[in-house]
Amino acid sequence: MKKSNDRNVSGYLLTAAVAAATAAMAMPVQAYNLYSENGSELNLDIEAVVGTFSSDENYFGKTGDGSSWQEGYLKAGLSGSHALSELNSVYGGLNFVSSGTWGDGDAGGNTDGSERRTAVEDAYVGFRTDMLDLSFGRQNFSIGDGFLINGDALNLGEGVFPDSNRGGAYWLAARKAFNQTAIARIGGEDGLRGDLFYLESDNKAQSEVELGGANIEYVTETGTFGATYIKGLDAVDNAKRDGQKTVSVRFQGNAGVENLFLSAEYADQSQGDSSDDANAWYAEAGWTFSDVAWTPQLTYRYTKYEENFDSLFFGFNRGYGTWFQGEVAANYAGPFGSSASIQHVALKASPTEMLSVGALYFDFSDSTTFGANSEGQELDLYAEWVVNEHLIISPLIGVYSPDSSNQTQNTTSDNFYAQVIAIVPF
């Protein structure tokens, strides 16, 4: 698309909510149109995000009295398309990402501050008609709101798993593309549509797994109904994921009631050994008080992960708390989308078109994967501020209070945590 100086400010605010939310950010790339003529287009795509972080406590055996660190990445490349006819076109993209972590490394010991990397991120080609889209290569892919798949966005460094180093920027999730994909998107924006997909990860932290599956959706004015089937085709040193089957059903929408928001998903997973079968689900309801000053939104969600459930490539899609629930708990202390019961209450308001503020509360219980050390409460306060056309800032402060301690949780002390994310649209 062409760069516009009068771009809708509310669009930037939405970008802030999307881009600054969690370690699996999905900020749209900013594009400069370089060429557009006779059905052909070439764009220069640029994306830059930096963040600074501070945690009074460390986790998982990381020594020292807290951590202070910085993360950043720059993504730049080319994308374009060429019309073959009025209804058919081919398209593609190639870009690189430079990323790094500085300072002490993150509070969970996933990075140590020495990480630097520049490498190809997206490299894909595709063919599109009005009802069919076929694409191949390195690219991002997500299903629904990211409860099971939202890109290959786990970005570890030289910390506790140095063999899985992807160049740092752990919280910012600089790299999201699957190494190899073959994706068929069938149907339009409304009614019945679906996806057939093959995904290959080169991420050692994800066991370099290969997945295949299908996703079907029925899109209406009152909500979207969806069902997904995912099968593990191969995995390195992970017998659990080789042959694993996951089936899910979901809904998201307002059910025809203005100001109401509903979202739910149930996933059932079989591992080959029935003793390892597990499920996970969530149910969420929210209400927007549209006639009240600042238009506040109040939301409640309950999430249940059974023991042995593999949350696959879950990640951010629609805001803080999805699906990294709690900035400290989800990123550094656990339970990391594993066995737990999580209650979540969120309040968000918009004093101006340029500013949103919010509060998030989480209660974690019934944790087994990481034990009682992953049980506790967290409160996060944040803002999303569009300073101007070229700068978006999202500060957040939080307090995480674990209920108990063991070898993976160094302390029962309350942890004061702070971060500031800056997004720079070019």
Protein backbone atom coordinates (compact mmCIF):
# COMPACT_ATOMS: atom_id res chain seq x y z
CA MET A 1 0.00 0.00 0.00
CA LYS A 2 1.08 3.58 -0.47
CA LYS A 3 2.31 5.49 2.54
CA SER A 4 -0.17 8.17 3.61
CA ASN A 5 0.49 11.19 5.84
CA ASP A 6 -3.16 11.40 6.89
CA ARG A 7 -3.43 7.80 7.99
CA ASN A 8 -6.32 7.08 10.40
CA VAL A 9 -5.06 7.67 13.97
CA SER A 10 -7.36 4.99 15.36
CA GLY A 11 -5.61 2.56 13.05
CA TYR A 12 -2.33 3.39 14.77
CA LEU A 13 -3.97 2.86 18.16
CA LEU A 14 -5.09 -0.58 17.03
CA THR A 15 -1.56 -1.24 15.81
CA ALA A 16 -0.26 -0.29 19.26
CA ALA A 17 -2.62 -2.73 20.89
CA VAL A 18 -1.53 -5.41 18.46
CA ALA A 19 2.15 -4.67 18.34
CA ALA A 20 2.92 -3.93 21.95
CA ALA A 21 0.93 -6.66 23.58
CA THR A 22 3.07 -9.73 24.15
CA ALA A 23 6.07 -11.77 23.14
CA ALA A 24 4.26 -12.90 19.98
CA MET A 25 3.54 -9.45 18.59
CA ALA A 26 2.04 -9.34 15.12
CA MET A 27 2.51 -5.73 14.06
CA PRO A 28 1.63 -5.06 10.40
CA VAL A 29 4.68 -4.09 8.37
CA GLN A 30 4.78 -0.45 7.24
CA ALA A 31 5.05 -0.24 3.45
CA TYR A 32 6.41 2.36 1.04
CA ASN A 33 5.13 1.91 -2.49
CA LEU A 34 8.08 1.94 -4.88
CA TYR A 35 6.27 1.03 -8.10
CA SER A 36 2.64 0.64 -9.15
CA GLU A 37 1.70 0.34 -12.81
CA ASN A 38 -0.26 -1.96 -15.15
CA GLY A 39 -1.34 -4.32 -12.39
CA SER A 40 2.14 -4.65 -10.88
CA GLU A 41 3.23 -3.32 -7.48
CA LEU A 42 6.49 -3.29 -5.51
CA ASN A 43 6.71 -2.20 -1.86
CA LEU A 44 9.50 -1.52 0.62
CA ASP A 45 8.39 -3.01 3.97
CA ILE A 46 9.87 -1.76 7.25
CA GLU A 47 9.09 -2.64 10.87
CA ALA A 48 11.03 -1.52 13.96
CA VAL A 49 10.29 -2.21 17.65
CA VAL A 50 12.44 -1.67 20.77
CA GLY A 51 11.77 -2.32 24.45
CA THR A 52 13.36 -1.90 27.85
CA PHE A 53 12.52 -4.22 30.76
CA SER A 54 13.16 -4.51 34.50
CA SER A 55 12.33 -7.30 36.97
CA ASP A 56 13.11 -7.30 40.69
CA GLU A 57 13.25 -11.12 40.71
CA ASN A 58 14.79 -13.84 38.55
CA TYR A 59 13.43 -17.32 37.82
CA PHE A 60 14.54 -20.83 36.85
CA GLY A 61 17.88 -20.71 38.54
CA LYS A 62 19.05 -17.40 37.11
CA THR A 63 21.33 -15.83 39.71
CA GLY A 64 21.49 -12.21 40.80
CA ASP A 65 19.09 -9.72 42.32
CA GLY A 66 16.74 -9.09 39.45
CA SER A 67 17.41 -8.19 35.81
CA SER A 68 17.43 -5.14 33.59
CA TRP A 69 17.64 -5.61 29.83
CA GLN A 70 16.76 -4.21 26.42
CA GLU A 71 15.47 -5.84 23.22
CA GLY A 72 15.04 -4.61 19.67
CA TYR A 73 14.65 -5.64 16.07
CA LEU A 74 14.45 -4.16 12.60
CA LYS A 75 12.65 -5.95 9.80
CA ALA A 76 13.09 -4.73 6.23
CA GLY A 77 12.50 -6.12 2.76
CA LEU A 78 10.43 -6.11 -0.41
CA SER A 79 6.99 -7.41 -1.30
CA GLY A 80 4.94 -7.16 -4.44
CA SER A 81 2.28 -8.54 -6.72
CA HIS A 82 1.47 -8.83 -10.41
CA ALA A 83 -2.03 -9.17 -11.88
CA LEU A 84 -2.36 -11.99 -14.41
CA SER A 85 -5.97 -11.08 -15.17
CA GLU A 86 -8.82 -9.20 -13.58
CA LEU A 87 -9.30 -11.95 -10.96
CA ASN A 88 -5.89 -13.69 -10.74
CA SER A 89 -2.55 -12.46 -9.43
CA VAL A 90 0.82 -13.71 -8.21
CA TYR A 91 2.62 -12.23 -5.22
CA GLY A 92 5.68 -12.68 -3.05
CA GLY A 93 7.95 -11.21 -0.43
CA LEU A 94 11.52 -11.31 0.86
CA ASN A 95 12.77 -9.62 4.02
CA PHE A 96 15.46 -9.79 6.70
CA VAL A 97 15.36 -9.34 10.47
CA SER A 98 18.17 -7.98 12.64
CA SER A 99 17.55 -8.60 16.35
CA GLY A 100 19.33 -8.46 19.67
CA THR A 101 19.13 -8.48 23.46
CA TRP A 102 21.33 -6.28 25.68
CA GLY A 103 21.95 -5.89 29.40
CA ASP A 104 21.38 -8.74 31.85
CA GLY A 105 19.12 -10.81 29.63
CA ASP A 106 15.53 -11.59 30.56
CA ALA A 107 14.34 -12.58 34.04
CA GLY A 108 13.64 -16.17 33.04
CA GLY A 109 17.19 -16.81 31.85
CA ASN A 110 16.15 -17.38 28.24
CA THR A 111 18.64 -14.75 27.04
CA ASP A 112 21.87 -13.43 28.55
CA GLY A 113 22.23 -10.10 26.72
CA SER A 114 24.82 -11.25 24.16
CA GLU A 115 22.40 -12.21 21.37
CA ARG A 116 22.74 -10.62 17.91
CA ARG A 117 21.48 -12.04 14.64
CA THR A 118 20.63 -10.96 11.08
CA ALA A 119 18.91 -13.52 8.85
CA VAL A 120 16.18 -14.04 6.27
CA GLU A 121 12.72 -13.94 7.87
CA ASP A 122 10.00 -14.12 5.19
CA ALA A 123 10.62 -15.60 1.74
CA TYR A 124 7.40 -16.69 0.03
CA VAL A 125 5.48 -16.75 -3.26
CA GLY A 126 1.78 -17.13 -3.87
CA PHE A 127 -1.08 -17.25 -6.37
CA ARG A 128 -4.44 -15.63 -5.60
CA THR A 129 -7.92 -15.66 -7.15
CA ASP A 130 -11.17 -14.34 -5.69
CA MET A 131 -11.82 -17.64 -3.82
CA LEU A 132 -8.41 -19.37 -3.63
CA ASP A 133 -5.03 -18.35 -2.25
CA LEU A 134 -2.04 -20.71 -2.55
CA SER A 135 1.29 -19.77 -0.95
CA PHE A 136 4.63 -21.46 -0.29
CA GLY A 137 7.88 -20.68 1.55
CA ARG A 138 8.89 -18.97 4.80
CA GLN A 139 5.93 -17.07 6.24
CA ASN A 140 3.75 -16.52 9.30
CA PHE A 141 0.51 -18.45 9.83
CA SER A 142 -2.16 -18.32 12.53
CA ILE A 143 -5.50 -19.92 13.35
CA GLY A 144 -8.35 -18.20 15.16
CA ASP A 145 -7.06 -15.97 17.94
CA GLY A 146 -3.80 -17.85 18.41
CA PHE A 147 -4.84 -20.34 21.11
CA LEU A 148 -3.01 -23.14 19.25
CA ILE A 149 -1.07 -21.59 16.36
CA ASN A 150 0.08 -17.99 16.02
CA GLY A 151 3.36 -18.12 14.15
CA ASP A 152 6.67 -19.69 15.13
CA ALA A 153 7.32 -16.92 17.64
CA LEU A 154 9.33 -18.49 20.47
CA ASN A 155 12.64 -16.57 20.33
CA LEU A 156 15.17 -17.95 22.81
CA GLY A 157 18.80 -16.89 23.12
CA GLU A 158 22.07 -17.94 24.77
CA GLY A 159 20.46 -18.51 28.15
CA VAL A 160 19.24 -21.81 29.59
CA PHE A 161 18.79 -23.35 26.10
CA PRO A 162 21.74 -22.04 24.02
CA ASP A 163 21.23 -24.66 21.30
CA SER A 164 17.90 -22.96 20.57
CA ASN A 165 19.33 -19.44 20.06
CA ARG A 166 17.34 -17.50 17.44
CA GLY A 167 18.98 -14.14 18.07
CA GLY A 168 17.30 -12.89 21.21
CA ALA A 169 14.46 -10.35 21.41
CA TYR A 170 12.61 -12.94 23.49
CA TRP A 171 9.66 -10.77 24.60
CA LEU A 172 9.37 -8.92 21.29
CA ALA A 173 9.39 -12.20 19.32
CA ALA A 174 11.35 -10.77 16.42
CA ARG A 175 11.01 -13.93 14.32
CA LYS A 176 7.60 -15.42 13.62
CA ALA A 177 7.86 -17.16 10.23
CA PHE A 178 7.71 -20.93 9.85
CA ASN A 179 10.72 -22.25 7.95
CA GLN A 180 8.67 -23.96 5.22
CA THR A 181 4.95 -23.74 4.53
CA ALA A 182 2.37 -24.80 1.98
CA ILE A 183 -0.95 -23.08 2.61
CA ALA A 184 -4.24 -23.13 0.71
CA ARG A 185 -6.84 -20.58 1.79
CA ILE A 186 -10.23 -21.34 0.30
CA GLY A 187 -13.27 -19.06 0.26
CA GLY A 188 -13.91 -15.40 0.87
CA GLU A 189 -14.31 -13.21 3.95
CA ASP A 190 -17.92 -14.25 4.67
CA GLY A 191 -19.74 -17.56 4.85
CA LEU A 192 -17.91 -20.85 4.66
CA ARG A 193 -14.12 -20.72 4.29
CA GLY A 194 -11.14 -22.89 5.18
CA ASP A 195 -7.39 -23.52 5.23
CA LEU A 196 -5.26 -26.54 4.39
CA PHE A 197 -1.73 -26.21 5.70
CA TYR A 198 1.70 -27.79 6.06
CA LEU A 199 4.08 -26.10 8.49
CA GLU A 200 7.73 -26.93 9.17
CA SER A 201 9.54 -25.24 12.05
CA ASP A 202 13.33 -24.85 12.18
CA ASN A 203 13.02 -23.72 15.81
CA LYS A 204 14.89 -26.15 18.09
CA ALA A 205 12.88 -24.92 21.06
CA GLN A 206 9.83 -26.28 19.21
CA SER A 207 11.58 -29.61 18.40
CA GLU A 208 11.77 -28.59 14.72
CA VAL A 209 8.30 -30.08 14.41
CA GLU A 210 6.38 -30.58 11.16
CA LEU A 211 2.60 -30.13 11.24
CA GLY A 212 -0.22 -30.70 8.79
CA GLY A 213 -3.88 -29.94 9.14
CA ALA A 214 -7.12 -28.27 8.16
CA ASN A 215 -9.11 -25.35 9.50
CA ILE A 216 -12.73 -24.58 8.62
CA GLU A 217 -14.71 -21.47 9.56
CA TYR A 218 -18.23 -20.18 9.10
CA VAL A 219 -18.22 -16.39 9.25
CA THR A 220 -21.46 -14.53 10.02
CA GLU A 221 -22.37 -11.02 11.18
CA THR A 222 -22.89 -12.29 14.72
CA GLY A 223 -19.69 -14.32 15.02
CA THR A 224 -17.30 -16.88 13.59
CA PHE A 225 -17.61 -20.61 14.22
CA GLY A 226 -14.42 -22.62 13.64
CA ALA A 227 -13.01 -26.14 13.80
CA THR A 228 -9.38 -27.22 13.41
CA TYR A 229 -7.49 -30.50 12.99
CA ILE A 230 -3.71 -30.58 13.50
CA LYS A 231 -1.41 -33.60 13.20
CA GLY A 232 2.27 -33.80 14.09
CA LEU A 233 4.11 -35.33 11.11
CA ASP A 234 7.63 -35.38 12.51
CA ALA A 235 9.68 -33.91 15.37
CA VAL A 236 13.33 -34.00 16.46
CA ASP A 237 13.83 -35.79 19.79
CA ASN A 238 10.16 -35.37 20.72
CA ALA A 239 8.13 -38.55 20.41
CA LYS A 240 5.13 -36.79 21.93
CA ARG A 241 4.75 -34.44 18.95
CA ASP A 242 5.44 -37.08 16.29
CA GLY A 243 1.94 -38.33 15.44
CA GLN A 244 0.20 -36.06 17.95
CA LYS A 245 -3.39 -35.13 17.01
CA THR A 246 -5.22 -32.01 18.13
CA VAL A 247 -8.86 -31.22 17.37
CA SER A 248 -10.52 -27.96 18.42
CA VAL A 249 -13.82 -26.08 18.06
CA ARG A 250 -14.31 -22.38 18.76
CA PHE A 251 -16.57 -19.34 18.52
CA GLN A 252 -15.92 -15.62 18.63
CA GLY A 253 -18.39 -12.78 18.15
CA ASN A 254 -21.25 -10.88 19.79
CA ALA A 255 -24.11 -13.35 19.15
CA GLY A 256 -26.12 -10.45 17.75
CA VAL A 257 -25.96 -8.37 20.95
CA GLU A 258 -24.36 -4.96 20.57
CA ASN A 259 -21.53 -4.27 23.07
CA LEU A 260 -21.22 -7.98 23.94
CA PHE A 261 -18.03 -9.95 23.24
CA LEU A 262 -17.89 -13.74 23.46
CA SER A 263 -14.97 -16.03 22.76
CA ALA A 264 -14.42 -19.71 23.54
CA GLU A 265 -12.37 -22.66 22.35
CA TYR A 266 -12.09 -26.32 23.33
CA ALA A 267 -9.09 -28.42 22.19
CA ASP A 268 -8.69 -32.18 22.63
CA GLN A 269 -5.28 -33.75 22.14
CA SER A 270 -4.12 -37.36 21.74
CA GLN A 271 -0.45 -38.32 21.96
CA GLY A 272 -0.51 -41.95 20.84
CA ASP A 273 -0.41 -43.10 24.45
CA SER A 274 -3.90 -42.66 25.94
CA SER A 275 -2.39 -41.87 29.34
CA ASP A 276 -1.01 -38.65 27.87
CA ASP A 277 -4.30 -37.50 26.29
CA ALA A 278 -5.33 -34.05 27.47
CA ASN A 279 -7.52 -31.08 26.70
CA ALA A 280 -7.51 -27.34 27.15
CA TRP A 281 -10.27 -24.79 26.91
CA TYR A 282 -11.30 -21.26 27.70
CA ALA A 283 -14.50 -19.25 27.88
CA GLU A 284 -14.53 -15.46 27.81
CA ALA A 285 -17.23 -12.79 28.00
CA GLY A 286 -16.85 -9.03 27.78
CA TRP A 287 -19.01 -5.94 27.71
CA THR A 288 -18.33 -2.48 26.30
CA PHE A 289 -20.05 0.36 28.17
CA SER A 290 -20.48 2.48 25.05
CA ASP A 291 -22.57 5.18 26.76
CA VAL A 292 -20.03 5.77 29.55
CA ALA A 293 -17.10 8.20 29.36
CA TRP A 294 -13.90 6.62 28.00
CA THR A 295 -15.97 3.65 26.68
CA PRO A 296 -14.68 1.10 29.23
CA GLN A 297 -14.53 -2.60 28.37
CA LEU A 298 -14.82 -5.23 31.12
CA THR A 299 -13.86 -8.85 30.44
CA TYR A 300 -13.74 -12.11 32.37
CA ARG A 301 -12.05 -15.30 31.14
CA TYR A 302 -11.48 -18.76 32.59
CA THR A 303 -8.80 -20.99 31.05
CA LYS A 304 -8.05 -24.62 31.89
CA TYR A 305 -4.96 -26.50 30.68
CA GLU A 306 -4.91 -30.18 31.65
CA GLU A 307 -1.67 -31.88 32.60
CA ASN A 308 0.25 -33.09 29.49
CA PHE A 309 -1.52 -30.66 27.16
CA ASP A 310 0.87 -29.28 24.52
CA SER A 311 -0.12 -25.69 23.67
CA LEU A 312 1.93 -25.92 20.43
CA PHE A 313 2.54 -22.47 18.85
CA PHE A 314 0.17 -20.38 20.98
CA GLY A 315 0.79 -16.65 20.98
CA PHE A 316 -0.46 -13.10 20.90
CA ASN A 317 -3.34 -12.18 18.63
CA ARG A 318 -5.78 -9.66 20.12
CA GLY A 319 -4.15 -7.91 23.07
CA TYR A 320 -2.31 -8.20 26.36
CA GLY A 321 -3.20 -11.52 27.98
CA THR A 322 -3.78 -13.55 24.80
CA TRP A 323 -2.20 -15.94 25.03
CA PHE A 324 0.65 -14.90 27.28
CA GLN A 325 -1.42 -14.59 30.46
CA GLY A 326 0.43 -12.31 32.86
CA GLU A 327 3.57 -10.52 31.75
CA VAL A 328 5.70 -12.14 34.48
CA ALA A 329 3.90 -15.49 34.77
CA ALA A 330 3.61 -16.16 31.06
CA ASN A 331 7.06 -14.99 30.04
CA TYR A 332 9.41 -15.79 32.94
CA ALA A 333 7.91 -17.60 35.94
CA GLY A 334 5.37 -20.03 34.44
CA PRO A 335 2.95 -21.74 33.91
CA PHE A 336 3.69 -20.93 30.21
CA GLY A 337 0.40 -22.18 28.78
CA SER A 338 0.84 -25.55 30.48
CA SER A 339 -1.15 -27.32 33.20
CA ALA A 340 -3.03 -24.70 35.19
CA SER A 341 -6.37 -23.08 35.89
CA ILE A 342 -6.32 -19.35 35.15
CA GLN A 343 -8.91 -16.75 36.03
CA HIS A 344 -8.52 -13.41 34.29
CA VAL A 345 -10.30 -10.07 34.67
CA ALA A 346 -9.50 -7.15 32.35
CA LEU A 347 -10.60 -3.52 32.26
CA LYS A 348 -9.70 -1.22 29.40
CA ALA A 349 -10.71 2.35 28.60
CA SER A 350 -9.86 5.03 26.02
CA PRO A 351 -9.61 8.56 27.45
CA THR A 352 -8.84 9.83 23.92
CA GLU A 353 -8.56 8.41 20.44
CA MET A 354 -4.78 8.54 20.94
CA LEU A 355 -4.63 6.82 24.34
CA SER A 356 -5.92 3.61 25.91
CA VAL A 357 -5.28 2.43 29.48
CA GLY A 358 -5.97 -0.93 31.06
CA ALA A 359 -5.67 -3.21 34.06
CA LEU A 360 -5.22 -7.01 34.00
CA TYR A 361 -5.63 -9.41 36.90
CA PHE A 362 -4.69 -13.12 36.81
CA ASP A 363 -5.08 -15.90 39.34
CA PHE A 364 -3.08 -19.09 38.68
CA SER A 365 -3.88 -22.39 40.40
CA ASP A 366 -3.78 -26.19 39.92
CA SER A 367 -0.34 -26.06 38.29
CA THR A 368 1.41 -29.43 37.94
CA THR A 369 4.02 -29.04 35.20
CA PHE A 370 6.05 -26.53 37.21
CA GLY A 371 4.46 -27.28 40.57
CA ALA A 372 3.06 -24.85 43.08
CA ASN A 373 5.76 -22.33 42.14
CA SER A 374 3.59 -21.46 39.13
CA GLU A 375 0.60 -20.64 41.32
CA GLY A 376 -0.08 -17.10 42.42
CA GLN A 377 -1.59 -13.80 41.34
CA GLU A 378 -0.52 -11.03 39.00
CA LEU A 379 -1.75 -7.48 38.42
CA ASP A 380 -0.61 -5.50 35.37
CA LEU A 381 -1.35 -1.86 34.51
CA TYR A 382 -0.61 -0.59 31.02
CA ALA A 383 -1.17 2.16 28.47
CA GLU A 384 -1.10 2.35 24.68
CA TRP A 385 -0.22 5.88 23.54
CA VAL A 386 -0.02 7.11 19.95
CA VAL A 387 2.46 9.96 20.38
CA ASN A 388 2.45 10.89 16.70
CA GLU A 389 2.44 9.32 13.25
CA HIS A 390 5.92 7.87 13.76
CA LEU A 391 5.94 6.80 17.43
CA ILE A 392 3.73 4.54 19.56
CA ILE A 393 4.64 3.87 23.20
CA SER A 394 3.22 1.21 25.52
CA PRO A 395 4.41 1.24 29.16
CA LEU A 396 3.42 -1.50 31.61
CA ILE A 397 4.01 -2.13 35.29
CA GLY A 398 3.07 -5.29 37.15
CA VAL A 399 3.31 -7.17 40.43
CA TYR A 400 3.53 -10.97 40.48
CA SER A 401 2.93 -12.72 43.82
CA PRO A 402 3.78 -16.45 43.85
CA ASP A 403 2.04 -18.62 46.43
CA SER A 404 5.09 -20.78 47.15
CA SER A 405 8.62 -21.55 46.01
CA ASN A 406 10.82 -24.41 44.83
CA GLN A 407 13.90 -24.92 42.69
CA THR A 408 12.44 -23.27 39.60
CA GLN A 409 10.99 -20.29 41.43
CA ASN A 410 13.80 -18.69 43.41
CA THR A 411 11.61 -16.67 45.75
CA THR A 412 8.18 -16.23 47.27
CA SER A 413 8.71 -12.46 47.26
CA ASP A 414 6.42 -10.19 45.29
CA ASN A 415 8.08 -9.20 42.04
CA PHE A 416 7.77 -5.63 40.76
CA TYR A 417 8.11 -5.65 36.97
CA ALA A 418 8.19 -2.84 34.40
CA GLN A 419 8.55 -2.53 30.64
CA VAL A 420 8.24 0.12 27.95
CA ILE A 421 7.75 -0.79 24.29
CA ALA A 422 8.26 1.69 21.45
CA ILE A 423 6.96 1.02 17.95
CA VAL A 424 8.32 3.20 15.14
CA PRO A 425 6.16 3.28 12.00
CA PHE A 426 8.29 4.64 9.15
